[in-house]
């Protein structure tokens, strides 16, 4: 019982910490909360959590060739990730929030699926997060020899629970502030976040080129 509690607590903490850094996905979730509402933004967080779970499973499985591949292909992966960020950034920069507000009332299940997929792709496009996860696993001693199969299952589920709790908290807090924003301020936020994403993309490209050289 003590081991189960250990796994659940540490897994939950890892899930929260993976999601907490305010990177591109965090900014996208905030933008979607303000632009489209709480639940489309939370759906984006679900996509991010699924991507994080995938990388956590790879880490737990100890697939060495994945780590080696990422280390060897770091230039290409950073370049691809930067392109994805740039596309998202340009889209947000040019996005008209007034149209989103008119469409908000007609949100469908397909719209939520699109939010989940974009959240997954944006997070998945940064495989270097695998090294961050490896560090967290080591810090929390998450992978121990005495763990059974069900310990790992519960551990991965608690990681997802931690990630979803983070996104639920963020979307709830931002949604409470959404009433204070009008169309003009939302348009400005779209441009700011879009610009930041494109800056992330530029920095990623420059870093990849410097490392490659």
N, C-alpha and C. Protein backbone atom coordinates (compact mmCIF):
# COMPACT_ATOMS: atom_id res chain seq x y z
N UNK A 1 0.84 -1.21 0.00
CA UNK A 1 0.00 0.00 0.00
C UNK A 1 0.87 1.25 0.00
N UNK A 2 1.96 1.20 0.74
CA UNK A 2 2.86 2.34 0.80
C UNK A 2 3.49 2.61 -0.56
N UNK A 3 3.83 1.51 -1.28
CA UNK A 3 4.42 1.66 -2.61
C UNK A 3 3.43 2.28 -3.59
N UNK A 4 2.17 1.87 -3.51
CA UNK A 4 1.13 2.44 -4.38
C UNK A 4 0.98 3.94 -4.13
N UNK A 5 0.98 4.31 -2.86
CA UNK A 5 0.87 5.73 -2.51
C UNK A 5 2.08 6.50 -3.04
N UNK A 6 3.25 5.91 -2.92
CA UNK A 6 4.49 6.51 -3.43
C UNK A 6 4.38 6.76 -4.93
N UNK A 7 3.93 5.74 -5.65
CA UNK A 7 3.82 5.84 -7.11
C UNK A 7 2.80 6.90 -7.51
N UNK A 8 1.65 6.91 -6.85
CA UNK A 8 0.59 7.86 -7.20
C UNK A 8 1.02 9.31 -6.95
N UNK A 9 1.63 9.56 -5.79
CA UNK A 9 2.04 10.92 -5.44
C UNK A 9 3.14 11.40 -6.38
N UNK A 10 4.14 10.56 -6.61
CA UNK A 10 5.26 10.97 -7.46
C UNK A 10 4.83 11.10 -8.91
N UNK A 11 3.97 10.20 -9.37
CA UNK A 11 3.47 10.29 -10.74
C UNK A 11 2.67 11.56 -10.95
N UNK A 12 1.84 11.90 -9.98
CA UNK A 12 1.03 13.12 -10.07
C UNK A 12 1.93 14.35 -10.13
N UNK A 13 2.98 14.37 -9.30
CA UNK A 13 3.92 15.50 -9.28
C UNK A 13 4.65 15.62 -10.62
N UNK A 14 5.05 14.49 -11.19
CA UNK A 14 5.73 14.50 -12.49
C UNK A 14 4.81 15.06 -13.57
N UNK A 15 3.55 14.62 -13.56
CA UNK A 15 2.59 15.12 -14.55
C UNK A 15 2.40 16.62 -14.45
N UNK A 16 2.33 17.14 -13.24
CA UNK A 16 2.18 18.58 -13.04
C UNK A 16 3.42 19.32 -13.54
N UNK A 17 4.60 18.81 -13.20
CA UNK A 17 5.85 19.50 -13.55
C UNK A 17 6.12 19.47 -15.05
N UNK A 18 5.72 18.39 -15.72
CA UNK A 18 5.90 18.33 -17.16
C UNK A 18 5.08 19.42 -17.85
N UNK A 19 3.87 19.66 -17.33
CA UNK A 19 2.96 20.62 -17.97
C UNK A 19 3.22 22.06 -17.53
N UNK A 20 3.84 22.24 -16.36
CA UNK A 20 3.93 23.58 -15.76
C UNK A 20 4.74 24.60 -16.54
N UNK A 21 5.89 24.25 -17.17
CA UNK A 21 6.66 25.29 -17.86
C UNK A 21 5.81 26.02 -18.90
N UNK A 22 5.82 27.35 -18.85
CA UNK A 22 4.97 28.14 -19.73
C UNK A 22 5.62 28.27 -21.10
N UNK A 23 5.61 27.16 -21.83
CA UNK A 23 6.15 27.14 -23.18
C UNK A 23 5.05 27.39 -24.20
N UNK A 24 5.29 26.99 -25.45
CA UNK A 24 4.30 27.21 -26.52
C UNK A 24 2.93 26.61 -26.23
N UNK A 25 2.89 25.39 -25.69
CA UNK A 25 1.59 24.76 -25.45
C UNK A 25 0.83 25.50 -24.35
N UNK A 26 1.54 25.99 -23.34
CA UNK A 26 0.89 26.74 -22.27
C UNK A 26 0.28 28.03 -22.80
N UNK A 27 1.02 28.71 -23.67
CA UNK A 27 0.50 29.95 -24.26
C UNK A 27 -0.70 29.67 -25.16
N UNK A 28 -0.64 28.55 -25.89
CA UNK A 28 -1.76 28.20 -26.76
C UNK A 28 -3.02 27.90 -25.94
N UNK A 29 -2.85 27.21 -24.82
CA UNK A 29 -4.00 26.91 -23.95
C UNK A 29 -4.61 28.20 -23.40
N UNK A 30 -3.76 29.14 -22.99
CA UNK A 30 -4.27 30.43 -22.49
C UNK A 30 -4.99 31.18 -23.60
N UNK A 31 -4.40 31.20 -24.79
CA UNK A 31 -5.03 31.90 -25.91
C UNK A 31 -6.38 31.28 -26.26
N UNK A 32 -6.46 29.97 -26.25
CA UNK A 32 -7.73 29.32 -26.60
C UNK A 32 -8.78 29.50 -25.52
N UNK A 33 -8.33 29.58 -24.26
CA UNK A 33 -9.29 29.84 -23.19
C UNK A 33 -9.94 31.21 -23.40
N UNK A 34 -9.12 32.20 -23.71
CA UNK A 34 -9.64 33.55 -23.92
C UNK A 34 -10.42 33.66 -25.22
N UNK A 35 -9.98 32.93 -26.23
CA UNK A 35 -10.55 33.09 -27.57
C UNK A 35 -11.77 32.20 -27.81
N UNK A 36 -11.68 30.94 -27.33
CA UNK A 36 -12.72 29.97 -27.66
C UNK A 36 -13.50 29.48 -26.44
N UNK A 37 -12.94 29.66 -25.26
CA UNK A 37 -13.62 29.19 -24.06
C UNK A 37 -12.81 28.13 -23.33
N UNK A 38 -13.29 27.77 -22.17
CA UNK A 38 -12.54 26.88 -21.27
C UNK A 38 -12.37 25.47 -21.82
N UNK A 39 -13.45 24.88 -22.33
CA UNK A 39 -13.40 23.46 -22.69
C UNK A 39 -12.58 23.19 -23.96
N UNK A 40 -12.65 24.03 -25.00
CA UNK A 40 -11.73 23.82 -26.12
C UNK A 40 -10.27 23.92 -25.68
N UNK A 41 -9.98 24.84 -24.75
CA UNK A 41 -8.62 24.97 -24.24
C UNK A 41 -8.22 23.73 -23.44
N UNK A 42 -9.15 23.22 -22.63
CA UNK A 42 -8.85 22.01 -21.86
C UNK A 42 -8.64 20.82 -22.79
N UNK A 43 -9.39 20.79 -23.90
CA UNK A 43 -9.19 19.72 -24.89
C UNK A 43 -7.78 19.79 -25.46
N UNK A 44 -7.27 21.00 -25.65
CA UNK A 44 -5.89 21.17 -26.10
C UNK A 44 -4.92 20.60 -25.06
N UNK A 45 -5.22 20.83 -23.78
CA UNK A 45 -4.40 20.27 -22.71
C UNK A 45 -4.44 18.75 -22.69
N UNK A 46 -5.60 18.18 -23.03
CA UNK A 46 -5.71 16.72 -23.10
C UNK A 46 -4.75 16.18 -24.16
N UNK A 47 -4.72 16.85 -25.32
CA UNK A 47 -3.80 16.43 -26.38
C UNK A 47 -2.35 16.49 -25.92
N UNK A 48 -2.02 17.55 -25.18
CA UNK A 48 -0.66 17.69 -24.66
C UNK A 48 -0.35 16.58 -23.66
N UNK A 49 -1.32 16.24 -22.82
CA UNK A 49 -1.13 15.19 -21.81
C UNK A 49 -0.91 13.83 -22.47
N UNK A 50 -1.62 13.57 -23.56
CA UNK A 50 -1.45 12.30 -24.28
C UNK A 50 -0.04 12.21 -24.86
N UNK A 51 0.44 13.33 -25.42
CA UNK A 51 1.81 13.35 -25.95
C UNK A 51 2.83 13.13 -24.83
N UNK A 52 2.63 13.79 -23.69
CA UNK A 52 3.53 13.60 -22.55
C UNK A 52 3.53 12.15 -22.08
N UNK A 53 2.34 11.53 -22.07
CA UNK A 53 2.24 10.13 -21.66
C UNK A 53 3.05 9.24 -22.61
N UNK A 54 2.98 9.52 -23.90
CA UNK A 54 3.73 8.74 -24.89
C UNK A 54 5.22 8.81 -24.58
N UNK A 55 5.73 10.01 -24.32
CA UNK A 55 7.16 10.15 -24.03
C UNK A 55 7.52 9.53 -22.68
N UNK A 56 6.60 9.57 -21.73
CA UNK A 56 6.85 8.93 -20.43
C UNK A 56 6.95 7.42 -20.57
N UNK A 57 6.09 6.85 -21.41
CA UNK A 57 6.12 5.40 -21.64
C UNK A 57 7.44 5.01 -22.31
N UNK A 58 7.89 5.82 -23.27
CA UNK A 58 9.17 5.56 -23.92
C UNK A 58 10.31 5.59 -22.88
N UNK A 59 10.26 6.57 -21.99
CA UNK A 59 11.28 6.67 -20.95
C UNK A 59 11.23 5.46 -20.02
N UNK A 60 10.01 5.09 -19.61
CA UNK A 60 9.86 3.94 -18.71
C UNK A 60 10.27 2.64 -19.34
N UNK A 61 10.07 2.53 -20.66
CA UNK A 61 10.44 1.30 -21.35
C UNK A 61 11.94 1.19 -21.54
N UNK A 62 12.64 2.30 -21.32
CA UNK A 62 14.10 2.28 -21.45
C UNK A 62 14.55 2.02 -22.86
N UNK A 63 13.85 2.62 -23.81
CA UNK A 63 14.20 2.40 -25.22
C UNK A 63 15.39 3.28 -25.56
N UNK A 64 16.56 2.70 -25.47
CA UNK A 64 17.80 3.47 -25.63
C UNK A 64 17.94 4.04 -27.03
N UNK A 65 17.48 3.28 -28.04
CA UNK A 65 17.70 3.76 -29.41
C UNK A 65 16.88 5.00 -29.70
N UNK A 66 15.75 5.20 -28.97
CA UNK A 66 14.96 6.41 -29.14
C UNK A 66 15.76 7.62 -28.66
N UNK A 67 16.37 7.46 -27.48
CA UNK A 67 17.20 8.53 -26.92
C UNK A 67 18.38 8.83 -27.84
N UNK A 68 19.02 7.76 -28.34
CA UNK A 68 20.16 7.95 -29.25
C UNK A 68 19.71 8.64 -30.54
N UNK A 69 18.54 8.23 -31.05
CA UNK A 69 18.03 8.83 -32.28
C UNK A 69 17.78 10.33 -32.09
N UNK A 70 17.16 10.69 -30.96
CA UNK A 70 16.87 12.09 -30.70
C UNK A 70 18.17 12.89 -30.57
N UNK A 71 19.17 12.30 -29.90
CA UNK A 71 20.45 12.99 -29.74
C UNK A 71 21.14 13.17 -31.10
N UNK A 72 21.06 12.14 -31.97
CA UNK A 72 21.73 12.20 -33.26
C UNK A 72 20.99 13.10 -34.25
N UNK A 73 19.67 13.12 -34.16
CA UNK A 73 18.86 13.90 -35.10
C UNK A 73 18.33 15.19 -34.48
N UNK A 74 19.05 15.72 -33.50
CA UNK A 74 18.57 16.90 -32.78
C UNK A 74 18.35 18.08 -33.72
N UNK A 75 19.25 18.26 -34.70
CA UNK A 75 19.12 19.38 -35.64
C UNK A 75 17.81 19.27 -36.42
N UNK A 76 17.55 18.10 -36.99
CA UNK A 76 16.34 17.92 -37.79
C UNK A 76 15.08 18.07 -36.94
N UNK A 77 15.09 17.48 -35.75
CA UNK A 77 13.92 17.53 -34.88
C UNK A 77 13.63 18.96 -34.41
N UNK A 78 14.68 19.71 -34.06
CA UNK A 78 14.48 21.09 -33.65
C UNK A 78 13.97 21.94 -34.82
N UNK A 79 14.45 21.62 -36.01
CA UNK A 79 14.02 22.36 -37.19
C UNK A 79 12.55 22.10 -37.48
N UNK A 80 12.14 20.83 -37.43
CA UNK A 80 10.74 20.48 -37.66
C UNK A 80 9.85 21.11 -36.59
N UNK A 81 10.28 21.02 -35.33
CA UNK A 81 9.52 21.62 -34.25
C UNK A 81 9.38 23.12 -34.41
N UNK A 82 10.43 23.76 -34.89
CA UNK A 82 10.39 25.21 -35.10
C UNK A 82 9.41 25.58 -36.21
N UNK A 83 9.37 24.76 -37.25
CA UNK A 83 8.41 25.00 -38.35
C UNK A 83 6.98 24.89 -37.84
N UNK A 84 6.72 23.88 -37.03
CA UNK A 84 5.38 23.70 -36.45
C UNK A 84 5.01 24.92 -35.60
N UNK A 85 5.94 25.38 -34.76
CA UNK A 85 5.69 26.55 -33.93
C UNK A 85 5.42 27.79 -34.77
N UNK A 86 6.21 27.95 -35.82
CA UNK A 86 6.05 29.11 -36.68
C UNK A 86 4.67 29.12 -37.34
N UNK A 87 4.20 27.95 -37.77
CA UNK A 87 2.88 27.85 -38.40
C UNK A 87 1.79 28.22 -37.41
N UNK A 88 1.87 27.68 -36.20
CA UNK A 88 0.89 28.02 -35.16
C UNK A 88 0.95 29.51 -34.85
N UNK A 89 2.17 30.05 -34.74
CA UNK A 89 2.32 31.45 -34.41
C UNK A 89 1.73 32.36 -35.47
N UNK A 90 2.01 32.06 -36.74
CA UNK A 90 1.47 32.86 -37.83
C UNK A 90 -0.05 32.78 -37.88
N UNK A 91 -0.58 31.57 -37.62
CA UNK A 91 -2.04 31.39 -37.61
C UNK A 91 -2.69 32.25 -36.52
N UNK A 92 -2.11 32.22 -35.32
CA UNK A 92 -2.67 33.02 -34.22
C UNK A 92 -2.51 34.52 -34.48
N UNK A 93 -1.39 34.90 -35.07
CA UNK A 93 -1.13 36.31 -35.34
C UNK A 93 -2.19 36.89 -36.29
N UNK A 94 -2.63 36.07 -37.25
CA UNK A 94 -3.58 36.54 -38.26
C UNK A 94 -5.03 36.22 -37.89
N UNK A 95 -5.23 35.52 -36.79
CA UNK A 95 -6.57 35.06 -36.41
C UNK A 95 -7.46 36.21 -35.97
N UNK A 96 -8.70 36.19 -36.41
CA UNK A 96 -9.69 37.20 -36.04
C UNK A 96 -10.54 36.65 -34.90
N UNK A 97 -10.40 37.17 -33.67
CA UNK A 97 -11.15 36.62 -32.53
C UNK A 97 -12.66 36.83 -32.65
N UNK A 98 -13.08 37.83 -33.42
CA UNK A 98 -14.52 38.07 -33.57
C UNK A 98 -15.20 36.88 -34.23
N UNK A 99 -14.54 36.27 -35.21
CA UNK A 99 -15.11 35.09 -35.88
C UNK A 99 -15.21 33.92 -34.91
N UNK A 100 -14.20 33.77 -34.06
CA UNK A 100 -14.22 32.68 -33.08
C UNK A 100 -15.35 32.86 -32.09
N UNK A 101 -15.61 34.10 -31.70
CA UNK A 101 -16.68 34.36 -30.74
C UNK A 101 -18.04 34.06 -31.35
N UNK A 102 -18.18 34.30 -32.66
CA UNK A 102 -19.45 33.98 -33.33
C UNK A 102 -19.63 32.48 -33.46
N UNK A 103 -18.51 31.75 -33.64
CA UNK A 103 -18.60 30.29 -33.83
C UNK A 103 -18.68 29.54 -32.52
N UNK A 104 -18.38 30.21 -31.40
CA UNK A 104 -18.28 29.52 -30.13
C UNK A 104 -19.58 28.81 -29.75
N UNK A 105 -20.70 29.37 -30.12
CA UNK A 105 -21.98 28.78 -29.77
C UNK A 105 -22.28 27.51 -30.54
N UNK A 106 -21.55 27.31 -31.63
CA UNK A 106 -21.83 26.15 -32.48
C UNK A 106 -20.70 25.13 -32.43
N UNK A 107 -20.00 25.10 -31.30
CA UNK A 107 -18.91 24.13 -31.14
C UNK A 107 -19.44 22.71 -31.22
N UNK A 108 -18.73 21.84 -31.93
CA UNK A 108 -19.15 20.44 -32.10
C UNK A 108 -18.07 19.53 -31.55
N UNK A 109 -18.41 18.23 -31.52
CA UNK A 109 -17.42 17.24 -31.06
C UNK A 109 -16.19 17.26 -31.94
N UNK A 110 -16.38 17.50 -33.26
CA UNK A 110 -15.24 17.55 -34.17
C UNK A 110 -14.29 18.69 -33.81
N UNK A 111 -14.86 19.81 -33.34
CA UNK A 111 -14.03 20.95 -32.94
C UNK A 111 -13.14 20.57 -31.77
N UNK A 112 -13.70 19.86 -30.81
CA UNK A 112 -12.89 19.42 -29.66
C UNK A 112 -11.81 18.44 -30.08
N UNK A 113 -12.12 17.58 -31.02
CA UNK A 113 -11.12 16.64 -31.51
C UNK A 113 -9.98 17.39 -32.19
N UNK A 114 -10.31 18.45 -32.94
CA UNK A 114 -9.26 19.26 -33.57
C UNK A 114 -8.37 19.92 -32.53
N UNK A 115 -8.99 20.38 -31.44
CA UNK A 115 -8.21 20.99 -30.36
C UNK A 115 -7.28 19.96 -29.71
N UNK A 116 -7.78 18.76 -29.50
CA UNK A 116 -6.96 17.69 -28.93
C UNK A 116 -5.79 17.37 -29.84
N UNK A 117 -6.07 17.24 -31.14
CA UNK A 117 -5.02 16.89 -32.11
C UNK A 117 -3.95 17.98 -32.19
N UNK A 118 -4.38 19.25 -32.22
CA UNK A 118 -3.38 20.32 -32.30
C UNK A 118 -2.55 20.39 -31.02
N UNK A 119 -3.19 20.16 -29.87
CA UNK A 119 -2.43 20.13 -28.61
C UNK A 119 -1.42 19.00 -28.61
N UNK A 120 -1.82 17.84 -29.13
CA UNK A 120 -0.91 16.69 -29.21
C UNK A 120 0.26 16.99 -30.14
N UNK A 121 -0.05 17.52 -31.33
CA UNK A 121 1.00 17.76 -32.32
C UNK A 121 2.00 18.80 -31.86
N UNK A 122 1.51 19.87 -31.23
CA UNK A 122 2.41 20.92 -30.78
C UNK A 122 3.35 20.40 -29.70
N UNK A 123 2.84 19.57 -28.80
CA UNK A 123 3.68 18.99 -27.75
C UNK A 123 4.60 17.91 -28.31
N UNK A 124 4.06 17.09 -29.21
CA UNK A 124 4.82 15.99 -29.79
C UNK A 124 5.96 16.49 -30.67
N UNK A 125 5.81 17.71 -31.20
CA UNK A 125 6.82 18.26 -32.11
C UNK A 125 8.10 18.65 -31.38
N UNK A 126 8.10 18.51 -30.05
CA UNK A 126 9.28 18.82 -29.25
C UNK A 126 9.76 17.57 -28.50
N UNK A 127 10.35 16.62 -29.22
CA UNK A 127 10.77 15.36 -28.57
C UNK A 127 11.88 15.54 -27.57
N UNK A 128 12.54 16.73 -27.57
CA UNK A 128 13.60 16.97 -26.59
C UNK A 128 13.06 16.99 -25.17
N UNK A 129 11.73 17.05 -25.04
CA UNK A 129 11.12 16.99 -23.70
C UNK A 129 11.41 15.63 -23.05
N UNK A 130 11.79 14.66 -23.89
CA UNK A 130 12.12 13.33 -23.37
C UNK A 130 13.24 13.42 -22.33
N UNK A 131 14.21 14.30 -22.57
CA UNK A 131 15.33 14.43 -21.64
C UNK A 131 14.87 15.08 -20.33
N UNK A 132 13.89 15.99 -20.42
CA UNK A 132 13.31 16.59 -19.22
C UNK A 132 12.59 15.52 -18.40
N UNK A 133 11.88 14.64 -19.09
CA UNK A 133 11.16 13.56 -18.41
C UNK A 133 12.14 12.60 -17.75
N UNK A 134 13.23 12.29 -18.44
CA UNK A 134 14.25 11.41 -17.85
C UNK A 134 14.78 12.02 -16.56
N UNK A 135 15.01 13.34 -16.56
CA UNK A 135 15.48 14.01 -15.36
C UNK A 135 14.47 13.95 -14.22
N UNK A 136 13.18 14.12 -14.56
CA UNK A 136 12.14 14.04 -13.53
C UNK A 136 12.02 12.63 -12.97
N UNK A 137 12.10 11.63 -13.86
CA UNK A 137 12.03 10.24 -13.39
C UNK A 137 13.18 9.94 -12.43
N UNK A 138 14.37 10.47 -12.75
CA UNK A 138 15.53 10.23 -11.89
C UNK A 138 15.37 10.98 -10.57
N UNK A 139 14.87 12.22 -10.65
CA UNK A 139 14.72 13.05 -9.44
C UNK A 139 13.75 12.42 -8.46
N UNK A 140 12.65 11.84 -8.97
CA UNK A 140 11.61 11.29 -8.10
C UNK A 140 11.75 9.77 -7.91
N UNK A 141 12.85 9.19 -8.41
CA UNK A 141 13.04 7.73 -8.30
C UNK A 141 11.77 6.99 -8.74
N UNK A 142 11.27 7.38 -9.90
CA UNK A 142 9.98 6.87 -10.33
C UNK A 142 10.06 5.43 -10.83
N UNK A 143 11.20 5.03 -11.36
CA UNK A 143 11.36 3.68 -11.88
C UNK A 143 12.24 2.87 -10.94
N UNK A 144 11.62 2.02 -10.15
CA UNK A 144 12.37 1.21 -9.18
C UNK A 144 12.25 -0.27 -9.54
N UNK A 145 13.31 -1.05 -9.28
CA UNK A 145 13.31 -2.47 -9.65
C UNK A 145 12.18 -3.27 -9.01
N UNK A 146 11.76 -2.87 -7.80
CA UNK A 146 10.74 -3.66 -7.11
C UNK A 146 9.33 -3.37 -7.59
N UNK A 147 9.15 -2.43 -8.51
CA UNK A 147 7.82 -2.11 -9.02
C UNK A 147 7.26 -3.27 -9.84
N UNK A 148 5.98 -3.52 -9.65
CA UNK A 148 5.26 -4.51 -10.45
C UNK A 148 4.61 -3.83 -11.64
N UNK A 149 4.01 -4.65 -12.50
CA UNK A 149 3.36 -4.11 -13.70
C UNK A 149 2.27 -3.12 -13.34
N UNK A 150 1.46 -3.45 -12.32
CA UNK A 150 0.35 -2.57 -11.96
C UNK A 150 0.84 -1.26 -11.34
N UNK A 151 2.04 -1.27 -10.76
CA UNK A 151 2.61 -0.03 -10.25
C UNK A 151 2.87 0.94 -11.40
N UNK A 152 3.40 0.40 -12.50
CA UNK A 152 3.67 1.25 -13.66
C UNK A 152 2.39 1.78 -14.27
N UNK A 153 1.37 0.93 -14.36
CA UNK A 153 0.08 1.35 -14.92
C UNK A 153 -0.49 2.51 -14.10
N UNK A 154 -0.51 2.32 -12.77
CA UNK A 154 -1.03 3.37 -11.90
C UNK A 154 -0.15 4.62 -11.96
N UNK A 155 1.16 4.40 -12.09
CA UNK A 155 2.08 5.54 -12.17
C UNK A 155 1.82 6.38 -13.41
N UNK A 156 1.65 5.74 -14.56
CA UNK A 156 1.39 6.48 -15.79
C UNK A 156 0.02 7.16 -15.75
N UNK A 157 -0.95 6.49 -15.15
CA UNK A 157 -2.27 7.11 -15.01
C UNK A 157 -2.21 8.34 -14.10
N UNK A 158 -1.38 8.26 -13.06
CA UNK A 158 -1.25 9.41 -12.16
C UNK A 158 -0.51 10.55 -12.84
N UNK A 159 0.40 10.25 -13.77
CA UNK A 159 1.07 11.30 -14.55
C UNK A 159 0.04 12.05 -15.39
N UNK A 160 -0.83 11.29 -16.05
CA UNK A 160 -1.90 11.91 -16.85
C UNK A 160 -2.82 12.75 -15.95
N UNK A 161 -3.14 12.20 -14.78
CA UNK A 161 -4.01 12.93 -13.84
C UNK A 161 -3.36 14.24 -13.41
N UNK A 162 -2.04 14.22 -13.17
CA UNK A 162 -1.34 15.43 -12.78
C UNK A 162 -1.33 16.47 -13.90
N UNK A 163 -1.09 16.00 -15.13
CA UNK A 163 -1.09 16.91 -16.27
C UNK A 163 -2.46 17.52 -16.50
N UNK A 164 -3.51 16.69 -16.44
CA UNK A 164 -4.87 17.19 -16.66
C UNK A 164 -5.30 18.14 -15.54
N UNK A 165 -4.85 17.86 -14.32
CA UNK A 165 -5.17 18.76 -13.20
C UNK A 165 -4.55 20.13 -13.42
N UNK A 166 -3.33 20.13 -13.95
CA UNK A 166 -2.68 21.42 -14.24
C UNK A 166 -3.48 22.21 -15.28
N UNK A 167 -3.85 21.54 -16.37
CA UNK A 167 -4.58 22.24 -17.44
C UNK A 167 -5.97 22.65 -16.97
N UNK A 168 -6.58 21.85 -16.12
CA UNK A 168 -7.89 22.21 -15.57
C UNK A 168 -7.77 23.47 -14.72
N UNK A 169 -6.72 23.54 -13.92
CA UNK A 169 -6.50 24.70 -13.06
C UNK A 169 -6.23 25.95 -13.89
N UNK A 170 -5.36 25.83 -14.89
CA UNK A 170 -5.01 26.98 -15.72
C UNK A 170 -6.23 27.49 -16.49
N UNK A 171 -6.98 26.58 -17.12
CA UNK A 171 -8.13 27.01 -17.91
C UNK A 171 -9.22 27.61 -17.01
N UNK A 172 -9.35 27.10 -15.79
CA UNK A 172 -10.34 27.65 -14.86
C UNK A 172 -9.97 29.07 -14.46
N UNK A 173 -8.69 29.28 -14.11
CA UNK A 173 -8.25 30.61 -13.70
C UNK A 173 -8.35 31.62 -14.84
N UNK A 174 -7.88 31.23 -16.03
CA UNK A 174 -7.90 32.16 -17.16
C UNK A 174 -9.34 32.44 -17.59
N UNK A 175 -10.19 31.41 -17.52
CA UNK A 175 -11.59 31.60 -17.91
C UNK A 175 -12.30 32.61 -17.03
N UNK A 176 -11.92 32.66 -15.76
CA UNK A 176 -12.53 33.63 -14.84
C UNK A 176 -12.15 35.06 -15.22
N UNK A 177 -11.02 35.22 -15.88
CA UNK A 177 -10.58 36.56 -16.30
C UNK A 177 -11.09 36.93 -17.68
N UNK A 178 -11.65 35.94 -18.40
CA UNK A 178 -12.03 36.17 -19.80
C UNK A 178 -13.08 37.26 -19.95
N UNK A 179 -13.94 37.41 -18.94
CA UNK A 179 -15.01 38.41 -19.03
C UNK A 179 -14.45 39.84 -19.08
N UNK A 180 -13.21 40.02 -18.66
CA UNK A 180 -12.62 41.35 -18.63
C UNK A 180 -11.98 41.73 -19.97
N UNK A 181 -12.05 40.82 -20.95
CA UNK A 181 -11.42 41.09 -22.24
C UNK A 181 -12.48 41.30 -23.31
N UNK A 182 -12.27 42.31 -24.15
CA UNK A 182 -13.15 42.52 -25.29
C UNK A 182 -12.48 42.02 -26.57
N UNK A 183 -13.14 42.22 -27.71
CA UNK A 183 -12.61 41.70 -28.97
C UNK A 183 -11.25 42.32 -29.29
N UNK A 184 -11.12 43.61 -29.00
CA UNK A 184 -9.86 44.29 -29.31
C UNK A 184 -8.71 43.73 -28.48
N UNK A 185 -8.95 43.49 -27.19
CA UNK A 185 -7.90 42.95 -26.33
C UNK A 185 -7.57 41.51 -26.72
N UNK A 186 -8.59 40.73 -27.12
CA UNK A 186 -8.34 39.36 -27.58
C UNK A 186 -7.49 39.37 -28.85
N UNK A 187 -7.78 40.31 -29.73
CA UNK A 187 -7.00 40.44 -30.97
C UNK A 187 -5.54 40.74 -30.63
N UNK A 188 -5.32 41.63 -29.64
CA UNK A 188 -3.97 41.97 -29.22
C UNK A 188 -3.26 40.76 -28.61
N UNK A 189 -4.00 40.00 -27.78
CA UNK A 189 -3.43 38.80 -27.16
C UNK A 189 -3.04 37.78 -28.22
N UNK A 190 -3.90 37.61 -29.24
CA UNK A 190 -3.57 36.70 -30.34
C UNK A 190 -2.26 37.09 -30.99
N UNK A 191 -2.10 38.40 -31.21
CA UNK A 191 -0.89 38.88 -31.87
C UNK A 191 0.35 38.71 -30.98
N UNK A 192 0.18 38.97 -29.69
CA UNK A 192 1.31 38.82 -28.76
C UNK A 192 1.74 37.36 -28.68
N UNK A 193 0.77 36.47 -28.46
CA UNK A 193 1.11 35.05 -28.32
C UNK A 193 1.62 34.48 -29.65
N UNK A 194 1.00 34.90 -30.75
CA UNK A 194 1.47 34.47 -32.06
C UNK A 194 2.91 34.91 -32.30
N UNK A 195 3.22 36.14 -31.91
CA UNK A 195 4.59 36.65 -32.07
C UNK A 195 5.57 35.87 -31.19
N UNK A 196 5.16 35.56 -29.94
CA UNK A 196 6.02 34.80 -29.04
C UNK A 196 6.30 33.40 -29.59
N UNK A 197 5.27 32.77 -30.17
CA UNK A 197 5.48 31.44 -30.75
C UNK A 197 6.46 31.52 -31.92
N UNK A 198 6.35 32.56 -32.74
CA UNK A 198 7.28 32.70 -33.87
C UNK A 198 8.68 33.00 -33.37
N UNK A 199 8.80 33.73 -32.24
CA UNK A 199 10.13 33.97 -31.64
C UNK A 199 10.71 32.66 -31.13
N UNK A 200 9.87 31.83 -30.48
CA UNK A 200 10.31 30.49 -30.05
C UNK A 200 10.84 29.72 -31.25
N UNK A 201 10.11 29.79 -32.37
CA UNK A 201 10.51 29.08 -33.58
C UNK A 201 11.84 29.58 -34.10
N UNK A 202 12.03 30.91 -34.09
CA UNK A 202 13.28 31.49 -34.57
C UNK A 202 14.45 31.09 -33.68
N UNK A 203 14.25 31.18 -32.37
CA UNK A 203 15.30 30.79 -31.42
C UNK A 203 15.65 29.32 -31.59
N UNK A 204 14.61 28.47 -31.76
CA UNK A 204 14.85 27.04 -31.96
C UNK A 204 15.65 26.77 -33.21
N UNK A 205 15.34 27.50 -34.30
CA UNK A 205 16.07 27.32 -35.55
C UNK A 205 17.51 27.75 -35.40
N UNK A 206 17.73 28.92 -34.79
CA UNK A 206 19.10 29.41 -34.59
C UNK A 206 19.91 28.47 -33.71
N UNK A 207 19.28 27.98 -32.63
CA UNK A 207 19.96 27.03 -31.72
C UNK A 207 20.33 25.76 -32.45
N UNK A 208 19.41 25.26 -33.29
CA UNK A 208 19.67 24.03 -34.02
C UNK A 208 20.84 24.22 -34.99
N UNK A 209 20.90 25.38 -35.67
CA UNK A 209 21.97 25.64 -36.61
C UNK A 209 23.31 25.78 -35.89
N UNK A 210 23.30 26.48 -34.74
CA UNK A 210 24.55 26.65 -33.97
C UNK A 210 25.06 25.29 -33.49
N UNK A 211 24.16 24.44 -32.96
CA UNK A 211 24.57 23.11 -32.49
C UNK A 211 25.09 22.27 -33.65
N UNK A 212 24.45 22.41 -34.80
CA UNK A 212 24.84 21.62 -35.97
C UNK A 212 26.22 22.01 -36.46
N UNK A 213 26.49 23.34 -36.43
CA UNK A 213 27.79 23.84 -36.88
C UNK A 213 28.89 23.50 -35.86
